[in-house]
N, C-alpha and C. Protein backbone atom coordinates (compact mmCIF):
# COMPACT_ATOMS: atom_id res chain seq x y z
N MET A 1 0.79 -1.21 -0.02
CA MET A 1 -0.09 0.06 0.02
C MET A 1 0.83 1.39 0.03
N ALA A 2 0.59 2.18 -0.85
CA ALA A 2 1.47 3.27 -0.95
C ALA A 2 0.58 4.71 -0.94
N PHE A 3 0.82 5.71 -0.35
CA PHE A 3 0.24 7.15 -0.39
C PHE A 3 1.07 7.97 -0.87
N LYS A 4 0.44 8.82 -1.66
CA LYS A 4 1.03 10.05 -2.30
C LYS A 4 0.68 11.19 -1.46
N ILE A 5 1.50 12.04 -1.02
CA ILE A 5 1.22 13.26 -0.35
C ILE A 5 1.52 14.44 -1.12
N ILE A 6 0.55 15.33 -1.46
CA ILE A 6 0.67 16.50 -2.30
C ILE A 6 0.65 17.84 -1.26
N ASP A 7 1.77 18.37 -1.26
CA ASP A 7 1.95 19.74 -0.42
C ASP A 7 1.19 20.89 -1.10
N HIS A 8 0.17 21.32 -0.55
CA HIS A 8 -0.43 22.44 -1.09
C HIS A 8 -0.32 23.79 -0.09
N SER A 9 0.73 23.60 0.59
CA SER A 9 0.89 24.75 1.62
C SER A 9 1.14 26.19 1.01
N LEU A 10 2.05 26.16 -0.07
CA LEU A 10 2.29 27.37 -0.68
C LEU A 10 0.94 27.96 -1.43
N SER A 11 0.03 27.06 -1.95
CA SER A 11 -1.00 27.54 -2.53
C SER A 11 -1.97 28.15 -1.49
N PHE A 12 -1.93 27.36 -0.39
CA PHE A 12 -2.91 27.88 0.89
C PHE A 12 -2.28 29.34 1.23
N ILE A 13 -0.93 29.41 1.59
CA ILE A 13 -0.39 30.58 2.06
C ILE A 13 -0.90 31.74 0.94
N LEU A 14 -0.73 31.65 -0.32
CA LEU A 14 -1.10 32.58 -1.29
C LEU A 14 -2.58 32.93 -1.20
N ALA A 15 -3.24 31.93 -1.13
CA ALA A 15 -4.92 32.15 -1.10
C ALA A 15 -5.13 32.91 0.24
N SER A 16 -4.60 32.50 1.25
CA SER A 16 -4.79 33.14 2.55
C SER A 16 -4.53 34.64 2.52
N THR A 17 -3.37 34.78 1.91
CA THR A 17 -2.88 36.43 2.02
C THR A 17 -3.76 37.11 1.01
N ASN A 18 -4.16 36.55 -0.07
CA ASN A 18 -5.13 37.21 -1.03
C ASN A 18 -6.47 37.37 -0.33
N ALA A 19 -6.80 36.37 0.45
CA ALA A 19 -8.34 36.65 1.27
C ALA A 19 -8.08 37.76 2.29
N LEU A 20 -7.10 37.80 2.94
CA LEU A 20 -6.88 38.77 4.02
C LEU A 20 -6.65 40.15 3.27
N ASP A 21 -6.06 40.26 2.18
CA ASP A 21 -6.02 41.46 1.48
C ASP A 21 -7.37 41.89 0.89
N ARG A 22 -8.25 40.99 0.45
CA ARG A 22 -9.48 41.46 -0.01
C ARG A 22 -10.38 41.91 1.08
N ALA A 23 -10.35 41.20 2.50
CA ALA A 23 -11.00 41.53 3.60
C ALA A 23 -10.58 43.06 4.05
N LEU A 24 -9.37 43.28 3.96
CA LEU A 24 -8.82 44.67 4.30
C LEU A 24 -9.34 45.72 3.34
N ASN A 25 -9.38 45.36 1.98
CA ASN A 25 -9.93 46.33 0.95
C ASN A 25 -11.46 46.59 1.47
N ASN A 26 -12.26 45.55 1.62
CA ASN A 26 -13.63 45.71 2.02
C ASN A 26 -13.87 46.63 3.36
N MET A 27 -12.87 46.43 4.16
CA MET A 27 -12.82 47.39 5.53
C MET A 27 -12.51 48.68 5.11
N ALA A 28 -11.50 48.98 4.33
CA ALA A 28 -11.23 50.40 3.82
C ALA A 28 -12.29 51.10 3.08
N ILE A 29 -13.10 50.29 2.41
CA ILE A 29 -14.43 50.83 1.64
C ILE A 29 -15.32 51.27 2.61
N ASP A 30 -15.46 50.35 3.59
CA ASP A 30 -16.61 50.55 4.72
C ASP A 30 -16.09 51.77 5.45
N VAL A 31 -14.95 52.05 5.82
CA VAL A 31 -14.27 53.15 6.56
C VAL A 31 -14.79 54.27 5.89
N GLU A 32 -14.29 54.40 4.56
CA GLU A 32 -14.59 55.53 3.72
C GLU A 32 -15.92 56.07 3.67
N ARG A 33 -16.82 54.99 3.39
CA ARG A 33 -18.31 55.24 3.19
C ARG A 33 -18.95 55.78 4.55
N LEU A 34 -18.54 54.96 5.63
CA LEU A 34 -19.13 55.61 6.98
C LEU A 34 -18.56 56.85 7.24
N SER A 35 -17.20 57.15 7.10
CA SER A 35 -16.74 58.57 7.40
C SER A 35 -17.36 59.64 6.54
N LYS A 36 -17.61 59.29 5.46
CA LYS A 36 -18.16 60.35 4.53
C LYS A 36 -19.71 60.69 4.85
N ALA A 37 -20.22 59.90 5.53
CA ALA A 37 -21.52 59.96 6.11
C ALA A 37 -21.52 60.86 7.32
N GLN A 38 -20.39 60.84 7.99
CA GLN A 38 -20.30 61.64 9.27
C GLN A 38 -19.42 62.94 9.30
N VAL A 39 -18.78 63.11 8.05
CA VAL A 39 -17.92 64.22 7.95
C VAL A 39 -18.75 65.57 7.93
N PRO A 40 -18.34 66.65 8.68
CA PRO A 40 -19.09 67.85 8.71
C PRO A 40 -18.88 68.67 7.23
N PHE A 41 -19.82 69.15 6.67
CA PHE A 41 -19.68 69.83 5.43
C PHE A 41 -20.55 71.06 5.40
N LEU A 42 -20.06 71.97 4.70
CA LEU A 42 -20.72 73.34 4.45
C LEU A 42 -21.01 73.18 2.82
N HIS A 43 -19.86 73.07 2.11
CA HIS A 43 -19.99 73.00 0.72
C HIS A 43 -19.60 71.71 0.14
N GLY A 44 -19.19 70.73 0.90
CA GLY A 44 -19.06 69.36 0.45
C GLY A 44 -17.49 69.17 -0.04
N GLN A 45 -16.65 70.04 0.01
CA GLN A 45 -15.32 69.94 -0.53
C GLN A 45 -14.49 68.73 0.43
N LEU A 46 -14.68 68.93 1.60
CA LEU A 46 -14.02 67.84 2.47
C LEU A 46 -14.60 66.43 2.25
N LYS A 47 -15.91 66.47 2.19
CA LYS A 47 -16.70 65.04 1.93
C LYS A 47 -16.07 64.53 0.64
N SER A 48 -16.21 65.36 -0.42
CA SER A 48 -15.74 64.71 -1.59
C SER A 48 -14.29 64.39 -1.73
N SER A 49 -13.41 64.87 -0.82
CA SER A 49 -11.99 64.57 -0.99
C SER A 49 -11.60 63.19 -0.34
N GLY A 50 -12.63 62.65 0.25
CA GLY A 50 -12.38 61.14 0.99
C GLY A 50 -11.90 60.21 0.09
N TYR A 51 -11.09 59.40 0.49
CA TYR A 51 -10.54 58.33 -0.52
C TYR A 51 -10.18 57.03 0.23
N HIS A 52 -9.80 55.93 -0.53
CA HIS A 52 -9.11 54.72 -0.03
C HIS A 52 -8.28 54.19 -1.06
N ARG A 53 -7.21 53.91 -0.76
CA ARG A 53 -6.25 53.34 -1.85
C ARG A 53 -5.51 52.25 -1.16
N LYS A 54 -5.00 51.30 -2.09
CA LYS A 54 -4.18 50.24 -1.70
C LYS A 54 -2.65 50.94 -1.56
N ASP A 55 -1.99 50.54 -0.60
CA ASP A 55 -0.51 51.24 -0.61
C ASP A 55 0.59 49.92 -0.30
N GLY A 56 0.01 48.79 -0.83
CA GLY A 56 0.91 47.74 -0.74
C GLY A 56 0.16 46.41 -0.28
N LYS A 57 0.72 45.24 -0.31
CA LYS A 57 0.09 43.92 0.05
C LYS A 57 -0.21 44.09 1.51
N LEU A 58 -1.68 43.94 1.77
CA LEU A 58 -2.05 44.11 3.08
C LEU A 58 -2.10 45.37 3.74
N LYS A 59 -2.08 46.46 3.01
CA LYS A 59 -1.90 47.80 3.42
C LYS A 59 -2.82 48.65 2.67
N TYR A 60 -3.78 49.28 3.40
CA TYR A 60 -4.75 50.29 2.72
C TYR A 60 -4.53 51.67 3.51
N ILE A 61 -4.98 52.63 2.84
CA ILE A 61 -4.93 53.97 3.54
C ILE A 61 -6.39 54.63 3.13
N VAL A 62 -6.91 55.26 4.20
CA VAL A 62 -8.24 55.92 4.05
C VAL A 62 -7.91 57.42 4.59
N GLY A 63 -8.33 58.24 3.81
CA GLY A 63 -8.15 59.57 4.19
C GLY A 63 -9.00 60.67 3.48
N PHE A 64 -8.49 61.94 3.86
CA PHE A 64 -9.21 63.03 3.29
C PHE A 64 -8.16 64.08 2.75
N ASP A 65 -8.37 64.43 1.48
CA ASP A 65 -7.37 65.19 0.97
C ASP A 65 -7.42 66.83 0.92
N LYS A 66 -7.71 67.34 2.10
CA LYS A 66 -8.02 68.81 2.25
C LYS A 66 -6.98 69.05 3.55
N GLU A 67 -6.37 70.20 3.43
CA GLU A 67 -5.58 70.70 4.49
C GLU A 67 -6.09 70.70 5.91
N TYR A 68 -7.36 71.07 5.95
CA TYR A 68 -8.09 71.29 7.05
C TYR A 68 -8.68 70.10 7.67
N ALA A 69 -8.42 68.87 7.02
CA ALA A 69 -9.24 67.68 7.35
C ALA A 69 -8.77 67.29 8.81
N ALA A 70 -7.62 67.44 9.20
CA ALA A 70 -7.00 67.11 10.75
C ALA A 70 -7.80 68.06 11.59
N TYR A 71 -7.86 69.33 11.19
CA TYR A 71 -8.52 70.16 12.20
C TYR A 71 -9.78 69.91 12.47
N GLN A 72 -10.65 69.43 11.44
CA GLN A 72 -11.98 69.15 11.57
C GLN A 72 -12.03 67.74 12.28
N GLU A 73 -11.14 66.69 12.00
CA GLU A 73 -11.08 65.51 12.71
C GLU A 73 -10.95 65.65 14.20
N PHE A 74 -9.97 66.35 14.76
CA PHE A 74 -9.54 66.41 15.97
C PHE A 74 -10.34 67.39 16.73
N GLY A 75 -11.18 68.40 15.96
CA GLY A 75 -11.92 69.42 16.71
C GLY A 75 -11.05 70.68 17.04
N GLY A 76 -9.72 70.74 16.41
CA GLY A 76 -9.02 71.97 16.59
C GLY A 76 -7.49 71.69 16.38
N ALA A 77 -6.77 72.70 16.58
CA ALA A 77 -5.28 72.31 16.15
C ALA A 77 -4.58 73.71 16.69
N THR A 78 -3.19 73.48 16.90
CA THR A 78 -2.26 74.37 17.35
C THR A 78 -1.36 74.71 16.20
N ASP A 79 -1.39 76.22 16.04
CA ASP A 79 -0.61 76.49 14.69
C ASP A 79 0.84 76.86 15.09
N LYS A 80 1.54 77.21 14.20
CA LYS A 80 3.06 77.33 14.29
C LYS A 80 3.54 78.30 15.50
N LYS A 81 2.55 79.28 15.78
CA LYS A 81 2.77 80.16 16.69
C LYS A 81 2.39 79.69 18.11
N GLY A 82 1.98 78.39 18.09
CA GLY A 82 1.51 77.97 19.54
C GLY A 82 0.08 78.31 19.95
N VAL A 83 -0.70 78.99 19.05
CA VAL A 83 -2.06 79.36 19.24
C VAL A 83 -3.09 78.24 18.90
N THR A 84 -3.74 77.72 19.98
CA THR A 84 -4.64 76.63 19.76
C THR A 84 -6.11 77.20 19.48
N ARG A 85 -6.58 76.64 18.28
CA ARG A 85 -7.85 77.16 17.74
C ARG A 85 -9.06 75.73 17.86
N ILE A 86 -9.81 76.03 18.48
CA ILE A 86 -10.97 74.96 18.62
C ILE A 86 -12.17 75.25 17.86
N VAL A 87 -12.56 74.09 17.17
CA VAL A 87 -13.89 74.29 16.31
C VAL A 87 -15.01 74.44 17.36
N LYS A 88 -15.57 75.59 17.31
CA LYS A 88 -16.83 75.83 18.24
C LYS A 88 -18.16 75.28 17.61
N LYS A 89 -18.30 75.31 16.44
CA LYS A 89 -19.60 74.88 15.82
C LYS A 89 -19.34 74.31 14.45
N TYR A 90 -19.77 73.00 14.37
CA TYR A 90 -19.39 72.47 12.97
C TYR A 90 -20.67 72.76 12.19
N SER A 91 -20.40 72.85 10.90
CA SER A 91 -21.40 73.41 10.02
C SER A 91 -22.73 72.61 9.73
N THR A 92 -22.66 71.29 10.05
CA THR A 92 -23.76 70.57 9.90
C THR A 92 -24.01 69.92 11.27
N ALA A 93 -25.36 70.18 11.82
CA ALA A 93 -25.68 69.83 13.07
C ALA A 93 -25.46 68.29 13.38
N GLY A 94 -25.15 67.85 14.53
CA GLY A 94 -25.09 66.37 14.87
C GLY A 94 -23.74 65.69 14.32
N LYS A 95 -22.90 66.48 13.55
CA LYS A 95 -21.59 65.91 13.20
C LYS A 95 -20.60 66.79 13.66
N GLY A 96 -19.56 66.10 13.99
CA GLY A 96 -18.35 66.80 14.79
C GLY A 96 -17.01 66.11 14.37
N LYS A 97 -16.19 66.14 15.47
CA LYS A 97 -14.89 65.50 15.41
C LYS A 97 -14.96 64.07 15.48
N HIS A 98 -13.95 63.45 15.12
CA HIS A 98 -13.82 61.88 14.94
C HIS A 98 -14.57 61.38 13.82
N TYR A 99 -14.94 62.09 12.83
CA TYR A 99 -15.44 61.50 11.81
C TYR A 99 -14.88 60.36 11.10
N LEU A 100 -13.58 60.34 11.14
CA LEU A 100 -12.67 59.15 10.69
C LEU A 100 -12.51 58.15 11.70
N ALA A 101 -12.07 58.60 12.84
CA ALA A 101 -11.76 57.59 13.87
C ALA A 101 -12.81 56.80 14.33
N ASP A 102 -14.10 57.35 14.36
CA ASP A 102 -15.21 56.43 15.03
C ASP A 102 -15.58 55.47 13.87
N PRO A 103 -15.51 55.74 12.55
CA PRO A 103 -15.84 54.68 11.59
C PRO A 103 -14.81 53.59 11.63
N ILE A 104 -13.50 53.95 12.02
CA ILE A 104 -12.39 53.00 11.95
C ILE A 104 -12.56 52.07 13.01
N GLN A 105 -13.02 52.63 14.33
CA GLN A 105 -13.30 51.91 15.53
C GLN A 105 -14.31 50.87 15.11
N LEU A 106 -15.55 51.33 14.42
CA LEU A 106 -16.61 50.47 14.28
C LEU A 106 -16.15 49.24 13.43
N VAL A 107 -15.58 49.67 12.29
CA VAL A 107 -15.14 48.68 11.14
C VAL A 107 -14.13 47.58 11.93
N THR A 108 -13.20 48.00 12.53
CA THR A 108 -12.22 47.05 13.00
C THR A 108 -12.82 46.16 14.15
N SER A 109 -13.78 46.73 14.92
CA SER A 109 -14.31 45.84 15.91
C SER A 109 -15.14 44.77 15.34
N LYS A 110 -15.21 44.81 13.94
CA LYS A 110 -15.92 43.79 13.16
C LYS A 110 -15.06 42.99 12.24
N ALA A 111 -13.57 43.30 12.50
CA ALA A 111 -12.81 42.60 11.72
C ALA A 111 -12.82 41.09 11.41
N TYR A 112 -13.16 40.41 12.32
CA TYR A 112 -13.13 39.04 12.35
C TYR A 112 -14.16 38.64 11.24
N ASN A 113 -15.38 39.34 11.27
CA ASN A 113 -16.37 39.02 10.24
C ASN A 113 -15.83 39.16 8.67
N TYR A 114 -15.12 40.24 8.60
CA TYR A 114 -14.69 40.63 7.22
C TYR A 114 -13.72 39.44 6.82
N PHE A 115 -12.71 39.07 7.84
CA PHE A 115 -11.74 38.02 7.57
C PHE A 115 -12.29 36.68 7.32
N GLU A 116 -13.41 36.36 8.13
CA GLU A 116 -14.08 35.04 8.10
C GLU A 116 -14.83 34.88 6.67
N GLN A 117 -15.44 35.95 6.34
CA GLN A 117 -16.06 35.92 5.03
C GLN A 117 -15.13 35.54 3.84
N GLN A 118 -13.98 36.24 3.91
CA GLN A 118 -13.08 35.89 2.73
C GLN A 118 -12.25 34.75 2.95
N ILE A 119 -12.09 34.33 4.12
CA ILE A 119 -11.23 32.94 4.35
C ILE A 119 -12.14 31.86 3.91
N ASN A 120 -13.41 31.96 4.14
CA ASN A 120 -14.32 30.89 3.70
C ASN A 120 -14.47 30.64 2.27
N LYS A 121 -13.91 31.57 1.59
CA LYS A 121 -14.03 31.41 -0.02
C LYS A 121 -12.88 30.72 -0.39
N ILE A 122 -11.82 30.44 0.45
CA ILE A 122 -10.66 29.75 -0.08
C ILE A 122 -10.88 28.37 -0.54
N LYS A 123 -10.51 28.00 -1.61
CA LYS A 123 -10.69 26.50 -2.17
C LYS A 123 -9.32 26.22 -2.71
N ILE A 124 -8.58 25.04 -2.08
CA ILE A 124 -7.40 24.41 -2.55
C ILE A 124 -7.71 23.13 -2.91
N MET A 125 -7.10 22.88 -4.08
CA MET A 125 -7.31 21.51 -4.93
C MET A 125 -6.05 20.91 -4.92
């Protein structure tokens, strides 16, 4: 009696890495979508500057491409002269600081679900 063992470990590693990459992409998409729903806006320039992009294998960036984005996100900033300016009133009622941090926290709290969904799609022959 003879047995033939076929090693599919490299295929599994590649498939797993690709599955994790897809899960991270889905997470980045959801963070962008949720943060755009929470971002304070007057004319919509900050909201429309939101993006997500792939920055390498298993690495995604979600951000807003306006110079005042951090000021809005953190509710204020300190300038070069050491003067602290605080946002007193956001332009859209009910929306305020942490428009990016809160969606990140929400999505990462469900990371297992994103990963499980993609891992379950792995088929090794």
